[in-house]
Structure formats: structure tokens, C-alpha cells
Amino acid sequence: MDSLLDQVGGAKFVNHTVSEFYEAIGRHLSSYEICDHRKQQSRQAQFLNLALSEQPEPDRSSRASFLARGLNPALFDALLEYLEERLIELGFPWQLSENLVQTASSLYGGCEQDLSIAC
């Protein structure tokens, strides 16, 4: 069975969708905020690609934990909402969309988030 990442079209799809999300919110940001959001965009794309891939443990958890430390929780939640709706809009089954969001949320929730290095 293909990984969730493969089922949605791979890293190219995830990276493009994360870029779309930041383009949409970028219209409402100052130039200072845009710089910070570029870091978030990169980390969120990396995190989602990792979360949805079939990486062996403990490599997956340690890398995810590192990436999660730099994610802004509110932006991450907003991105997951955007991604879930975007998948449905593109005709993916709602079960796949829901499973993807649940998988990413679960991995994110299991990571220590005490340090925010990219916000």
C-alpha cells in the first residue's frame, strides 16, 4: 500500500499546497511577518512530507520532533484545515483527507513543542 504522501501526489503536491496556503495569507502580512513565514512554510512542508511518508522509527520521530519545535501551532492548525479542504476540493476522498490530517496532527501532538525556533 502506498504511503499517504504517495496517495496525494508526493512531496511536490505537499510543497505546492503549503506554498498556496502562504500565498493566500501573505496578502495580509507585513514584510517582517513574511520573512518569518518563509521559515514556517519551509518547516511545515518538511514536517508534512515526513509525517505522511513511510520513514522507519525512530528516525521519523526524532526528525519530526526537531521540525515541530519550530512550528507555530496556530499556523500549523490553519494549514491542516486548508490542506483538508483543498484535498476535498480537488476530488480526493474525504476519508483520505481526514486520515492525512489526523496522521499529521497525531505526530505533531506527540512532539515536544517547548522551543519555537522559527516563529
PDB file of N, CA and C in Angstrom:
ATOM      1  N   MET A   1       0.843  -1.191   0.000  1.00  0.00           N
ATOM      2  CA  MET A   1       0.000   0.000   0.000  1.00  0.00           C
ATOM      3  C   MET A   1       0.883   1.247   0.000  1.00  0.00           C
ATOM      4  N   ASP A   2       0.476   2.225  -0.752  1.00  0.00           N
ATOM      5  CA  ASP A   2       1.225   3.471  -0.834  1.00  0.00           C
ATOM      6  C   ASP A   2       1.100   4.274   0.455  1.00  0.00           C
ATOM      7  N   SER A   3       2.121   5.059   0.760  1.00  0.00           N
ATOM      8  CA  SER A   3       2.061   5.964   1.913  1.00  0.00           C
ATOM      9  C   SER A   3       1.038   7.065   1.624  1.00  0.00           C
ATOM     10  N   LEU A   4       0.634   7.759   2.663  1.00  0.00           N
ATOM     11  CA  LEU A   4      -0.285   8.892   2.465  1.00  0.00           C
ATOM     12  C   LEU A   4       0.338   9.919   1.527  1.00  0.00           C
ATOM     13  N   LEU A   5       1.643  10.103   1.648  1.00  0.00           N
ATOM     14  CA  LEU A   5       2.331  11.055   0.777  1.00  0.00           C
ATOM     15  C   LEU A   5       2.188  10.648  -0.686  1.00  0.00           C
ATOM     16  N   ASP A   6       2.379   9.379  -0.974  1.00  0.00           N
ATOM     17  CA  ASP A   6       2.224   8.889  -2.343  1.00  0.00           C
ATOM     18  C   ASP A   6       0.786   9.036  -2.830  1.00  0.00           C
ATOM     19  N   GLN A   7      -0.175   8.783  -1.949  1.00  0.00           N
ATOM     20  CA  GLN A   7      -1.584   8.838  -2.331  1.00  0.00           C
ATOM     21  C   GLN A   7      -2.044  10.235  -2.735  1.00  0.00           C
ATOM     22  N   VAL A   8      -1.393  11.271  -2.215  1.00  0.00           N
ATOM     23  CA  VAL A   8      -1.794  12.642  -2.581  1.00  0.00           C
ATOM     24  C   VAL A   8      -0.925  13.242  -3.673  1.00  0.00           C
ATOM     25  N   GLY A   9       0.049  12.505  -4.148  1.00  0.00           N
ATOM     26  CA  GLY A   9       0.863  13.018  -5.243  1.00  0.00           C
ATOM     27  C   GLY A   9       2.295  13.349  -4.860  1.00  0.00           C
ATOM     28  N   GLY A  10       2.706  12.968  -3.675  1.00  0.00           N
ATOM     29  CA  GLY A  10       4.102  13.132  -3.286  1.00  0.00           C
ATOM     30  C   GLY A  10       4.453  14.501  -2.727  1.00  0.00           C
ATOM     31  N   ALA A  11       5.743  14.670  -2.528  1.00  0.00           N
ATOM     32  CA  ALA A  11       6.269  15.901  -1.935  1.00  0.00           C
ATOM     33  C   ALA A  11       5.950  17.124  -2.789  1.00  0.00           C
ATOM     34  N   LYS A  12       5.909  16.933  -4.102  1.00  0.00           N
ATOM     35  CA  LYS A  12       5.607  18.065  -4.990  1.00  0.00           C
ATOM     36  C   LYS A  12       4.228  18.649  -4.678  1.00  0.00           C
ATOM     37  N   PHE A  13       3.241  17.774  -4.466  1.00  0.00           N
ATOM     38  CA  PHE A  13       1.893  18.236  -4.138  1.00  0.00           C
ATOM     39  C   PHE A  13       1.873  18.939  -2.783  1.00  0.00           C
ATOM     40  N   VAL A  14       2.493  18.326  -1.787  1.00  0.00           N
ATOM     41  CA  VAL A  14       2.509  18.911  -0.437  1.00  0.00           C
ATOM     42  C   VAL A  14       3.200  20.272  -0.465  1.00  0.00           C
ATOM     43  N   ASN A  15       4.357  20.356  -1.087  1.00  0.00           N
ATOM     44  CA  ASN A  15       5.088  21.631  -1.157  1.00  0.00           C
ATOM     45  C   ASN A  15       4.270  22.700  -1.868  1.00  0.00           C
ATOM     46  N   HIS A  16       3.601  22.317  -2.953  1.00  0.00           N
ATOM     47  CA  HIS A  16       2.777  23.271  -3.699  1.00  0.00           C
ATOM     48  C   HIS A  16       1.590  23.759  -2.857  1.00  0.00           C
ATOM     49  N   THR A  17       0.958  22.841  -2.144  1.00  0.00           N
ATOM     50  CA  THR A  17      -0.194  23.204  -1.325  1.00  0.00           C
ATOM     51  C   THR A  17       0.214  24.120  -0.172  1.00  0.00           C
ATOM     52  N   VAL A  18       1.340  23.831   0.459  1.00  0.00           N
ATOM     53  CA  VAL A  18       1.841  24.703   1.525  1.00  0.00           C
ATOM     54  C   VAL A  18       2.149  26.091   0.953  1.00  0.00           C
ATOM     55  N   SER A  19       2.731  26.149  -0.238  1.00  0.00           N
ATOM     56  CA  SER A  19       3.005  27.438  -0.887  1.00  0.00           C
ATOM     57  C   SER A  19       1.720  28.204  -1.170  1.00  0.00           C
ATOM     58  N   GLU A  20       0.702  27.500  -1.649  1.00  0.00           N
ATOM     59  CA  GLU A  20      -0.604  28.131  -1.894  1.00  0.00           C
ATOM     60  C   GLU A  20      -1.156  28.755  -0.618  1.00  0.00           C
ATOM     61  N   PHE A  21      -1.067  28.013   0.471  1.00  0.00           N
ATOM     62  CA  PHE A  21      -1.559  28.498   1.761  1.00  0.00           C
ATOM     63  C   PHE A  21      -0.848  29.801   2.144  1.00  0.00           C
ATOM     64  N   TYR A  22       0.453  29.827   2.026  1.00  0.00           N
ATOM     65  CA  TYR A  22       1.198  31.020   2.414  1.00  0.00           C
ATOM     66  C   TYR A  22       1.007  32.179   1.445  1.00  0.00           C
ATOM     67  N   GLU A  23       0.766  31.885   0.178  1.00  0.00           N
ATOM     68  CA  GLU A  23       0.423  32.954  -0.762  1.00  0.00           C
ATOM     69  C   GLU A  23      -0.907  33.583  -0.368  1.00  0.00           C
ATOM     70  N   ALA A  24      -1.851  32.745   0.029  1.00  0.00           N
ATOM     71  CA  ALA A  24      -3.177  33.236   0.419  1.00  0.00           C
ATOM     72  C   ALA A  24      -3.101  34.120   1.657  1.00  0.00           C
ATOM     73  N   ILE A  25      -2.348  33.711   2.665  1.00  0.00           N
ATOM     74  CA  ILE A  25      -2.280  34.537   3.870  1.00  0.00           C
ATOM     75  C   ILE A  25      -1.253  35.660   3.736  1.00  0.00           C
ATOM     76  N   GLY A  26      -0.335  35.525   2.797  1.00  0.00           N
ATOM     77  CA  GLY A  26       0.724  36.525   2.616  1.00  0.00           C
ATOM     78  C   GLY A  26       0.214  37.896   2.242  1.00  0.00           C
ATOM     79  N   ARG A  27      -0.936  37.950   1.632  1.00  0.00           N
ATOM     80  CA  ARG A  27      -1.523  39.247   1.253  1.00  0.00           C
ATOM     81  C   ARG A  27      -1.893  40.094   2.461  1.00  0.00           C
ATOM     82  N   HIS A  28      -1.956  39.457   3.624  1.00  0.00           N
ATOM     83  CA  HIS A  28      -2.382  40.144   4.833  1.00  0.00           C
ATOM     84  C   HIS A  28      -1.248  40.346   5.831  1.00  0.00           C
ATOM     85  N   LEU A  29      -0.001  40.164   5.389  1.00  0.00           N
ATOM     86  CA  LEU A  29       1.144  40.231   6.297  1.00  0.00           C
ATOM     87  C   LEU A  29       2.063  41.401   5.978  1.00  0.00           C
ATOM     88  N   SER A  30       2.769  41.867   6.988  1.00  0.00           N
ATOM     89  CA  SER A  30       3.791  42.889   6.780  1.00  0.00           C
ATOM     90  C   SER A  30       5.047  42.219   6.219  1.00  0.00           C
ATOM     91  N   SER A  31       5.996  43.013   5.740  1.00  0.00           N
ATOM     92  CA  SER A  31       7.227  42.436   5.193  1.00  0.00           C
ATOM     93  C   SER A  31       8.008  41.675   6.261  1.00  0.00           C
ATOM     94  N   TYR A  32       7.969  42.135   7.509  1.00  0.00           N
ATOM     95  CA  TYR A  32       8.642  41.429   8.604  1.00  0.00           C
ATOM     96  C   TYR A  32       7.997  40.059   8.834  1.00  0.00           C
ATOM     97  N   GLU A  33       6.687  40.023   8.830  1.00  0.00           N
ATOM     98  CA  GLU A  33       5.978  38.762   9.050  1.00  0.00           C
ATOM     99  C   GLU A  33       6.211  37.788   7.896  1.00  0.00           C
ATOM    100  N   ILE A  34       6.334  38.315   6.685  1.00  0.00           N
ATOM    101  CA  ILE A  34       6.560  37.457   5.523  1.00  0.00           C
ATOM    102  C   ILE A  34       7.878  36.717   5.658  1.00  0.00           C
ATOM    103  N   CYS A  35       8.903  37.385   6.149  1.00  0.00           N
ATOM    104  CA  CYS A  35      10.201  36.741   6.348  1.00  0.00           C
ATOM    105  C   CYS A  35      10.068  35.574   7.323  1.00  0.00           C
ATOM    106  N   ASP A  36       9.402  35.782   8.434  1.00  0.00           N
ATOM    107  CA  ASP A  36       9.193  34.720   9.408  1.00  0.00           C
ATOM    108  C   ASP A  36       8.344  33.592   8.831  1.00  0.00           C
ATOM    109  N   HIS A  37       7.397  33.953   7.988  1.00  0.00           N
ATOM    110  CA  HIS A  37       6.514  32.941   7.433  1.00  0.00           C
ATOM    111  C   HIS A  37       7.218  32.086   6.389  1.00  0.00           C
ATOM    112  N   ARG A  38       8.267  32.593   5.777  1.00  0.00           N
ATOM    113  CA  ARG A  38       9.049  31.755   4.858  1.00  0.00           C
ATOM    114  C   ARG A  38       9.681  30.594   5.618  1.00  0.00           C
ATOM    115  N   LYS A  39      10.150  30.870   6.831  1.00  0.00           N
ATOM    116  CA  LYS A  39      10.714  29.806   7.669  1.00  0.00           C
ATOM    117  C   LYS A  39       9.627  28.797   8.026  1.00  0.00           C
ATOM    118  N   GLN A  40       8.444  29.302   8.390  1.00  0.00           N
ATOM    119  CA  GLN A  40       7.339  28.426   8.732  1.00  0.00           C
ATOM    120  C   GLN A  40       6.942  27.577   7.523  1.00  0.00           C
ATOM    121  N   GLN A  41       6.877  28.192   6.377  1.00  0.00           N
ATOM    122  CA  GLN A  41       6.492  27.485   5.163  1.00  0.00           C
ATOM    123  C   GLN A  41       7.441  26.318   4.902  1.00  0.00           C
ATOM    124  N   SER A  42       8.708  26.560   4.998  1.00  0.00           N
ATOM    125  CA  SER A  42       9.701  25.523   4.760  1.00  0.00           C
ATOM    126  C   SER A  42       9.577  24.395   5.787  1.00  0.00           C
ATOM    127  N   ARG A  43       9.482  24.763   7.054  1.00  0.00           N
ATOM    128  CA  ARG A  43       9.389  23.748   8.114  1.00  0.00           C
ATOM    129  C   ARG A  43       8.087  22.955   8.029  1.00  0.00           C
ATOM    130  N   GLN A  44       6.997  23.636   7.725  1.00  0.00           N
ATOM    131  CA  GLN A  44       5.719  22.932   7.646  1.00  0.00           C
ATOM    132  C   GLN A  44       5.714  21.944   6.484  1.00  0.00           C
ATOM    133  N   ALA A  45       6.258  22.348   5.357  1.00  0.00           N
ATOM    134  CA  ALA A  45       6.335  21.437   4.211  1.00  0.00           C
ATOM    135  C   ALA A  45       7.200  20.223   4.557  1.00  0.00           C
ATOM    136  N   GLN A  46       8.336  20.470   5.189  1.00  0.00           N
ATOM    137  CA  GLN A  46       9.209  19.362   5.583  1.00  0.00           C
ATOM    138  C   GLN A  46       8.500  18.429   6.573  1.00  0.00           C
ATOM    139  N   PHE A  47       7.838  19.024   7.552  1.00  0.00           N
ATOM    140  CA  PHE A  47       7.138  18.226   8.559  1.00  0.00           C
ATOM    141  C   PHE A  47       6.052  17.370   7.917  1.00  0.00           C
ATOM    142  N   LEU A  48       5.228  17.967   7.057  1.00  0.00           N
ATOM    143  CA  LEU A  48       4.146  17.209   6.427  1.00  0.00           C
ATOM    144  C   LEU A  48       4.693  16.096   5.538  1.00  0.00           C
ATOM    145  N   ASN A  49       5.733  16.393   4.781  1.00  0.00           N
ATOM    146  CA  ASN A  49       6.331  15.361   3.940  1.00  0.00           C
ATOM    147  C   ASN A  49       6.837  14.198   4.786  1.00  0.00           C
ATOM    148  N   LEU A  50       7.429  14.508   5.906  1.00  0.00           N
ATOM    149  CA  LEU A  50       7.911  13.469   6.812  1.00  0.00           C
ATOM    150  C   LEU A  50       6.751  12.711   7.454  1.00  0.00           C
ATOM    151  N   ALA A  51       5.766  13.440   7.939  1.00  0.00           N
ATOM    152  CA  ALA A  51       4.629  12.816   8.632  1.00  0.00           C
ATOM    153  C   ALA A  51       3.855  11.864   7.723  1.00  0.00           C
ATOM    154  N   LEU A  52       3.783  12.175   6.457  1.00  0.00           N
ATOM    155  CA  LEU A  52       2.971  11.392   5.532  1.00  0.00           C
ATOM    156  C   LEU A  52       3.760  10.300   4.820  1.00  0.00           C
ATOM    157  N   SER A  53       5.065  10.301   5.000  1.00  0.00           N
ATOM    158  CA  SER A  53       5.904   9.291   4.359  1.00  0.00           C
ATOM    159  C   SER A  53       5.974   8.039   5.221  1.00  0.00           C
ATOM    160  N   GLU A  54       6.630   7.043   4.706  1.00  0.00           N
ATOM    161  CA  GLU A  54       6.801   5.798   5.458  1.00  0.00           C
ATOM    162  C   GLU A  54       8.244   5.692   5.918  1.00  0.00           C
ATOM    163  N   GLN A  55       8.651   6.566   6.798  1.00  0.00           N
ATOM    164  CA  GLN A  55      10.001   6.542   7.346  1.00  0.00           C
ATOM    165  C   GLN A  55      10.039   5.594   8.535  1.00  0.00           C
ATOM    166  N   PRO A  56      11.136   4.882   8.719  1.00  0.00           N
ATOM    167  CA  PRO A  56      11.233   3.978   9.869  1.00  0.00           C
ATOM    168  C   PRO A  56      11.373   4.739  11.178  1.00  0.00           C
ATOM    169  N   GLU A  57      10.828   4.155  12.236  1.00  0.00           N
ATOM    170  CA  GLU A  57      11.037   4.696  13.585  1.00  0.00           C
ATOM    171  C   GLU A  57      12.405   4.219  14.038  1.00  0.00           C
ATOM    172  N   PRO A  58      13.197   4.908  14.810  1.00  0.00           N
ATOM    173  CA  PRO A  58      12.913   6.180  15.470  1.00  0.00           C
ATOM    174  C   PRO A  58      13.298   7.397  14.643  1.00  0.00           C
ATOM    175  N   ASP A  59      13.816   7.174  13.405  1.00  0.00           N
ATOM    176  CA  ASP A  59      14.232   8.295  12.564  1.00  0.00           C
ATOM    177  C   ASP A  59      13.102   9.297  12.343  1.00  0.00           C
ATOM    178  N   ARG A  60      11.909   8.779  12.093  1.00  0.00           N
ATOM    179  CA  ARG A  60      10.749   9.633  11.822  1.00  0.00           C
ATOM    180  C   ARG A  60      10.427  10.509  13.024  1.00  0.00           C
ATOM    181  N   SER A  61      10.378   9.921  14.199  1.00  0.00           N
ATOM    182  CA  SER A  61      10.022  10.669  15.407  1.00  0.00           C
ATOM    183  C   SER A  61      11.055  11.715  15.782  1.00  0.00           C
ATOM    184  N   SER A  62      12.329  11.374  15.663  1.00  0.00           N
ATOM    185  CA  SER A  62      13.355  12.341  16.050  1.00  0.00           C
ATOM    186  C   SER A  62      13.388  13.512  15.080  1.00  0.00           C
ATOM    187  N   ARG A  63      13.273  13.265  13.798  1.00  0.00           N
ATOM    188  CA  ARG A  63      13.249  14.355  12.804  1.00  0.00           C
ATOM    189  C   ARG A  63      11.976  15.187  12.965  1.00  0.00           C
ATOM    190  N   ALA A  64      10.849  14.537  13.173  1.00  0.00           N
ATOM    191  CA  ALA A  64       9.582  15.248  13.355  1.00  0.00           C
ATOM    192  C   ALA A  64       9.632  16.124  14.592  1.00  0.00           C
ATOM    193  N   SER A  65      10.207  15.608  15.655  1.00  0.00           N
ATOM    194  CA  SER A  65      10.317  16.382  16.892  1.00  0.00           C
ATOM    195  C   SER A  65      11.149  17.637  16.665  1.00  0.00           C
ATOM    196  N   PHE A  66      12.251  17.497  15.933  1.00  0.00           N
ATOM    197  CA  PHE A  66      13.091  18.658  15.616  1.00  0.00           C
ATOM    198  C   PHE A  66      12.310  19.684  14.805  1.00  0.00           C
ATOM    199  N   LEU A  67      11.614  19.250  13.780  1.00  0.00           N
ATOM    200  CA  LEU A  67      10.857  20.178  12.929  1.00  0.00           C
ATOM    201  C   LEU A  67       9.697  20.813  13.684  1.00  0.00           C
ATOM    202  N   ALA A  68       9.025  20.044  14.530  1.00  0.00           N
ATOM    203  CA  ALA A  68       7.866  20.549  15.276  1.00  0.00           C
ATOM    204  C   ALA A  68       8.259  21.674  16.219  1.00  0.00           C
ATOM    205  N   ARG A  69       9.476  21.643  16.709  1.00  0.00           N
ATOM    206  CA  ARG A  69       9.931  22.689  17.628  1.00  0.00           C
ATOM    207  C   ARG A  69       9.870  24.075  16.989  1.00  0.00           C
ATOM    208  N   GLY A  70       9.965  24.152  15.697  1.00  0.00           N
ATOM    209  CA  GLY A  70       9.957  25.443  15.031  1.00  0.00           C
ATOM    210  C   GLY A  70       8.626  25.837  14.430  1.00  0.00           C
ATOM    211  N   LEU A  71       7.609  25.036  14.639  1.00  0.00           N
ATOM    212  CA  LEU A  71       6.314  25.341  14.034  1.00  0.00           C
ATOM    213  C   LEU A  71       5.448  26.187  14.956  1.00  0.00           C
ATOM    214  N   ASN A  72       4.780  27.131  14.363  1.00  0.00           N
ATOM    215  CA  ASN A  72       3.805  27.944  15.066  1.00  0.00           C
ATOM    216  C   ASN A  72       2.508  27.130  15.126  1.00  0.00           C
ATOM    217  N   PRO A  73       2.029  26.782  16.333  1.00  0.00           N
ATOM    218  CA  PRO A  73       0.842  25.915  16.436  1.00  0.00           C
ATOM    219  C   PRO A  73      -0.393  26.452  15.717  1.00  0.00           C
ATOM    220  N   ALA A  74      -0.648  27.738  15.810  1.00  0.00           N
ATOM    221  CA  ALA A  74      -1.837  28.302  15.158  1.00  0.00           C
ATOM    222  C   ALA A  74      -1.719  28.207  13.631  1.00  0.00           C
ATOM    223  N   LEU A  75      -0.536  28.497  13.110  1.00  0.00           N
ATOM    224  CA  LEU A  75      -0.344  28.390  11.662  1.00  0.00           C
ATOM    225  C   LEU A  75      -0.411  26.943  11.198  1.00  0.00           C
ATOM    226  N   PHE A  76       0.106  26.033  12.009  1.00  0.00           N
ATOM    227  CA  PHE A  76       0.057  24.626  11.644  1.00  0.00           C
ATOM    228  C   PHE A  76      -1.389  24.136  11.591  1.00  0.00           C
ATOM    229  N   ASP A  77      -2.193  24.505  12.570  1.00  0.00           N
ATOM    230  CA  ASP A  77      -3.610  24.129  12.569  1.00  0.00           C
ATOM    231  C   ASP A  77      -4.336  24.719  11.363  1.00  0.00           C
ATOM    232  N   ALA A  78      -4.041  25.976  11.058  1.00  0.00           N
ATOM    233  CA  ALA A  78      -4.671  26.629   9.908  1.00  0.00           C
ATOM    234  C   ALA A  78      -4.261  25.937   8.608  1.00  0.00           C
ATOM    235  N   LEU A  79      -3.002  25.549   8.503  1.00  0.00           N
ATOM    236  CA  LEU A  79      -2.535  24.841   7.311  1.00  0.00           C
ATOM    237  C   LEU A  79      -3.238  23.496   7.162  1.00  0.00           C
ATOM    238  N   LEU A  80      -3.396  22.772   8.253  1.00  0.00           N
ATOM    239  CA  LEU A  80      -4.088  21.485   8.176  1.00  0.00           C
ATOM    240  C   LEU A  80      -5.533  21.659   7.734  1.00  0.00           C
ATOM    241  N   GLU A  81      -6.206  22.679   8.222  1.00  0.00           N
ATOM    242  CA  GLU A  81      -7.578  22.957   7.776  1.00  0.00           C
ATOM    243  C   GLU A  81      -7.602  23.256   6.287  1.00  0.00           C
ATOM    244  N   TYR A  82      -6.646  24.074   5.841  1.00  0.00           N
ATOM    245  CA  TYR A  82      -6.559  24.423   4.429  1.00  0.00           C
ATOM    246  C   TYR A  82      -6.302  23.175   3.586  1.00  0.00           C
ATOM    247  N   LEU A  83      -5.361  22.354   4.033  1.00  0.00           N
ATOM    248  CA  LEU A  83      -4.997  21.146   3.299  1.00  0.00           C
ATOM    249  C   LEU A  83      -6.176  20.179   3.206  1.00  0.00           C
ATOM    250  N   GLU A  84      -6.887  20.017   4.305  1.00  0.00           N
ATOM    251  CA  GLU A  84      -8.041  19.115   4.306  1.00  0.00           C
ATOM    252  C   GLU A  84      -9.094  19.580   3.294  1.00  0.00           C
ATOM    253  N   GLU A  85      -9.413  20.844   3.302  1.00  0.00           N
ATOM    254  CA  GLU A  85     -10.406  21.383   2.369  1.00  0.00           C
ATOM    255  C   GLU A  85      -9.908  21.340   0.926  1.00  0.00           C
ATOM    256  N   ARG A  86      -8.630  21.591   0.740  1.00  0.00           N
ATOM    257  CA  ARG A  86      -8.050  21.596  -0.612  1.00  0.00           C
ATOM    258  C   ARG A  86      -8.110  20.195  -1.226  1.00  0.00           C
ATOM    259  N   LEU A  87      -7.811  19.191  -0.430  1.00  0.00           N
ATOM    260  CA  LEU A  87      -7.876  17.820  -0.940  1.00  0.00           C
ATOM    261  C   LEU A  87      -9.288  17.459  -1.375  1.00  0.00           C
ATOM    262  N   ILE A  88     -10.258  17.820  -0.574  1.00  0.00           N
ATOM    263  CA  ILE A  88     -11.659  17.541  -0.916  1.00  0.00           C
ATOM    264  C   ILE A  88     -12.051  18.306  -2.174  1.00  0.00           C
ATOM    265  N   GLU A  89     -11.629  19.556  -2.258  1.00  0.00           N
ATOM    266  CA  GLU A  89     -11.912  20.389  -3.431  1.00  0.00           C
ATOM    267  C   GLU A  89     -11.334  19.764  -4.704  1.00  0.00           C
ATOM    268  N   LEU A  90     -10.174  19.127  -4.576  1.00  0.00           N
ATOM    269  CA  LEU A  90      -9.518  18.507  -5.732  1.00  0.00           C
ATOM    270  C   LEU A  90     -10.071  17.116  -6.061  1.00  0.00           C
ATOM    271  N   GLY A  91     -11.045  16.652  -5.268  1.00  0.00           N
ATOM    272  CA  GLY A  91     -11.698  15.389  -5.567  1.00  0.00           C
ATOM    273  C   GLY A  91     -11.148  14.174  -4.846  1.00  0.00           C
ATOM    274  N   PHE A  92     -10.243  14.388  -3.899  1.00  0.00           N
ATOM    275  CA  PHE A  92      -9.768  13.258  -3.097  1.00  0.00           C
ATOM    276  C   PHE A  92     -10.884  12.835  -2.151  1.00  0.00           C
ATOM    277  N   PRO A  93     -10.953  11.548  -1.810  1.00  0.00           N
ATOM    278  CA  PRO A  93     -11.978  11.094  -0.861  1.00  0.00           C
ATOM    279  C   PRO A  93     -11.804  11.780   0.500  1.00  0.00           C
ATOM    280  N   TRP A  94     -12.916  12.084   1.142  1.00  0.00           N
ATOM    281  CA  TRP A  94     -12.831  12.782   2.437  1.00  0.00           C
ATOM    282  C   TRP A  94     -12.115  11.921   3.464  1.00  0.00           C
ATOM    283  N   GLN A  95     -12.199  10.591   3.316  1.00  0.00           N
ATOM    284  CA  GLN A  95     -11.523   9.695   4.258  1.00  0.00           C
ATOM    285  C   GLN A  95     -10.005   9.876   4.172  1.00  0.00           C
ATOM    286  N   LEU A  96      -9.487  10.018   2.971  1.00  0.00           N
ATOM    287  CA  LEU A  96      -8.059  10.242   2.788  1.00  0.00           C
ATOM    288  C   LEU A  96      -7.651  11.575   3.396  1.00  0.00           C
ATOM    289  N   SER A  97      -8.449  12.591   3.128  1.00  0.00           N
ATOM    290  CA  SER A  97      -8.179  13.921   3.679  1.00  0.00           C
ATOM    291  C   SER A  97      -8.175  13.888   5.200  1.00  0.00           C
ATOM    292  N   GLU A  98      -9.172  13.238   5.764  1.00  0.00           N
ATOM    293  CA  GLU A  98      -9.277  13.144   7.222  1.00  0.00           C
ATOM    294  C   GLU A  98      -8.116  12.337   7.814  1.00  0.00           C
ATOM    295  N   ASN A  99      -7.748  11.250   7.166  1.00  0.00           N
ATOM    296  CA  ASN A  99      -6.648  10.397   7.622  1.00  0.00           C
ATOM    297  C   ASN A  99      -5.322  11.161   7.572  1.00  0.00           C
ATOM    298  N   LEU A 100      -5.122  11.913   6.522  1.00  0.00           N
ATOM    299  CA  LEU A 100      -3.908  12.707   6.380  1.00  0.00           C
ATOM    300  C   LEU A 100      -3.785  13.723   7.512  1.00  0.00           C
ATOM    301  N   VAL A 101      -4.836  14.451   7.772  1.00  0.00           N
ATOM    302  CA  VAL A 101      -4.826  15.469   8.829  1.00  0.00           C
ATOM    303  C   VAL A 101      -4.650  14.813  10.193  1.00  0.00           C
ATOM    304  N   GLN A 102      -5.313  13.712  10.409  1.00  0.00           N
ATOM    305  CA  GLN A 102      -5.194  13.015  11.689  1.00  0.00           C
ATOM    306  C   GLN A 102      -3.768  12.489  11.893  1.00  0.00           C
ATOM    307  N   THR A 103      -3.153  11.961  10.858  1.00  0.00           N
ATOM    308  CA  THR A 103      -1.784  11.450  10.947  1.00  0.00           C
ATOM    309  C   THR A 103      -0.810  12.573  11.266  1.00  0.00           C
ATOM    310  N   ALA A 104      -0.914  13.689  10.550  1.00  0.00           N
ATOM    311  CA  ALA A 104      -0.016  14.821  10.786  1.00  0.00           C
ATOM    312  C   ALA A 104      -0.252  15.415  12.175  1.00  0.00           C
ATOM    313  N   SER A 105      -1.504  15.550  12.568  1.00  0.00           N
ATOM    314  CA  SER A 105      -1.830  16.100  13.891  1.00  0.00           C
ATOM    315  C   SER A 105      -1.309  15.217  15.011  1.00  0.00           C
ATOM    316  N   SER A 106      -1.454  13.921  14.838  1.00  0.00           N
ATOM    317  CA  SER A 106      -1.010  12.972  15.849  1.00  0.00           C
ATOM    318  C   SER A 106       0.503  13.030  16.029  1.00  0.00           C
ATOM    319  N   LEU A 107       1.236  13.062  14.938  1.00  0.00           N
ATOM    320  CA  LEU A 107       2.692  13.143  15.028  1.00  0.00           C
ATOM    321  C   LEU A 107       3.103  14.472  15.655  1.00  0.00           C
ATOM    322  N   TYR A 108       2.453  15.550  15.239  1.00  0.00           N
ATOM    323  CA  TYR A 108       2.756  16.874  15.791  1.00  0.00           C
ATOM    324  C   TYR A 108       2.445  16.926  17.286  1.00  0.00           C
ATOM    325  N   GLY A 109       1.319  16.373  17.671  1.00  0.00           N
ATOM    326  CA  GLY A 109       0.921  16.367  19.067  1.00  0.00           C
ATOM    327  C   GLY A 109       1.845  15.550  19.948  1.00  0.00           C
ATOM    328  N   GLY A 110       2.505  14.561  19.381  1.00  0.00           N
ATOM    329  CA  GLY A 110       3.425  13.726  20.122  1.00  0.00           C
ATOM    330  C   GLY A 110       4.824  14.297  20.246  1.00  0.00           C
ATOM    331  N   CYS A 111       5.069  15.420  19.604  1.00  0.00           N
ATOM    332  CA  CYS A 111       6.398  16.038  19.637  1.00  0.00           C
ATOM    333  C   CYS A 111       6.453  17.089  20.746  1.00  0.00           C
ATOM    334  N   GLU A 112       7.611  17.223  21.327  1.00  0.00           N
ATOM    335  CA  GLU A 112       7.810  18.285  22.314  1.00  0.00           C
ATOM    336  C   GLU A 112       7.842  19.618  21.582  1.00  0.00           C
ATOM    337  N   GLN A 113       7.093  20.592  22.099  1.00  0.00           N
ATOM    338  CA  GLN A 113       6.993  21.871  21.414  1.00  0.00           C
ATOM    339  C   GLN A 113       7.420  23.031  22.299  1.00  0.00           C
ATOM    340  N   ASP A 114       8.344  22.795  23.201  1.00  0.00           N
ATOM    341  CA  ASP A 114       8.739  23.840  24.137  1.00  0.00           C
ATOM    342  C   ASP A 114       9.559  24.952  23.478  1.00  0.00           C
ATOM    343  N   LEU A 115      10.262  24.639  22.422  1.00  0.00           N
ATOM    344  CA  LEU A 115      11.169  25.576  21.785  1.00  0.00           C
ATOM    345  C   LEU A 115      10.604  25.968  20.442  1.00  0.00           C
ATOM    346  N   SER A 116      10.420  27.248  20.194  1.00  0.00           N
ATOM    347  CA  SER A 116       9.927  27.703  18.912  1.00  0.00           C
ATOM    348  C   SER A 116      11.030  28.506  18.246  1.00  0.00           C
ATOM    349  N   ILE A 117      11.743  27.871  17.328  1.00  0.00           N
ATOM    350  CA  ILE A 117      12.935  28.489  16.763  1.00  0.00           C
ATOM    351  C   ILE A 117      12.697  29.177  15.421  1.00  0.00           C
ATOM    352  N   ALA A 118      11.539  28.999  14.834  1.00  0.00           N
ATOM    353  CA  ALA A 118      11.311  29.581  13.518  1.00  0.00           C
ATOM    354  C   ALA A 118      10.082  30.468  13.486  1.00  0.00           C
ATOM    355  N   CYS A 119       9.693  31.008  14.611  1.00  0.00           N
ATOM    356  CA  CYS A 119       8.497  31.858  14.670  1.00  0.00           C
ATOM    357  C   CYS A 119       8.890  33.301  14.815  1.00  0.00           C
TER     358      CYS A 119
END
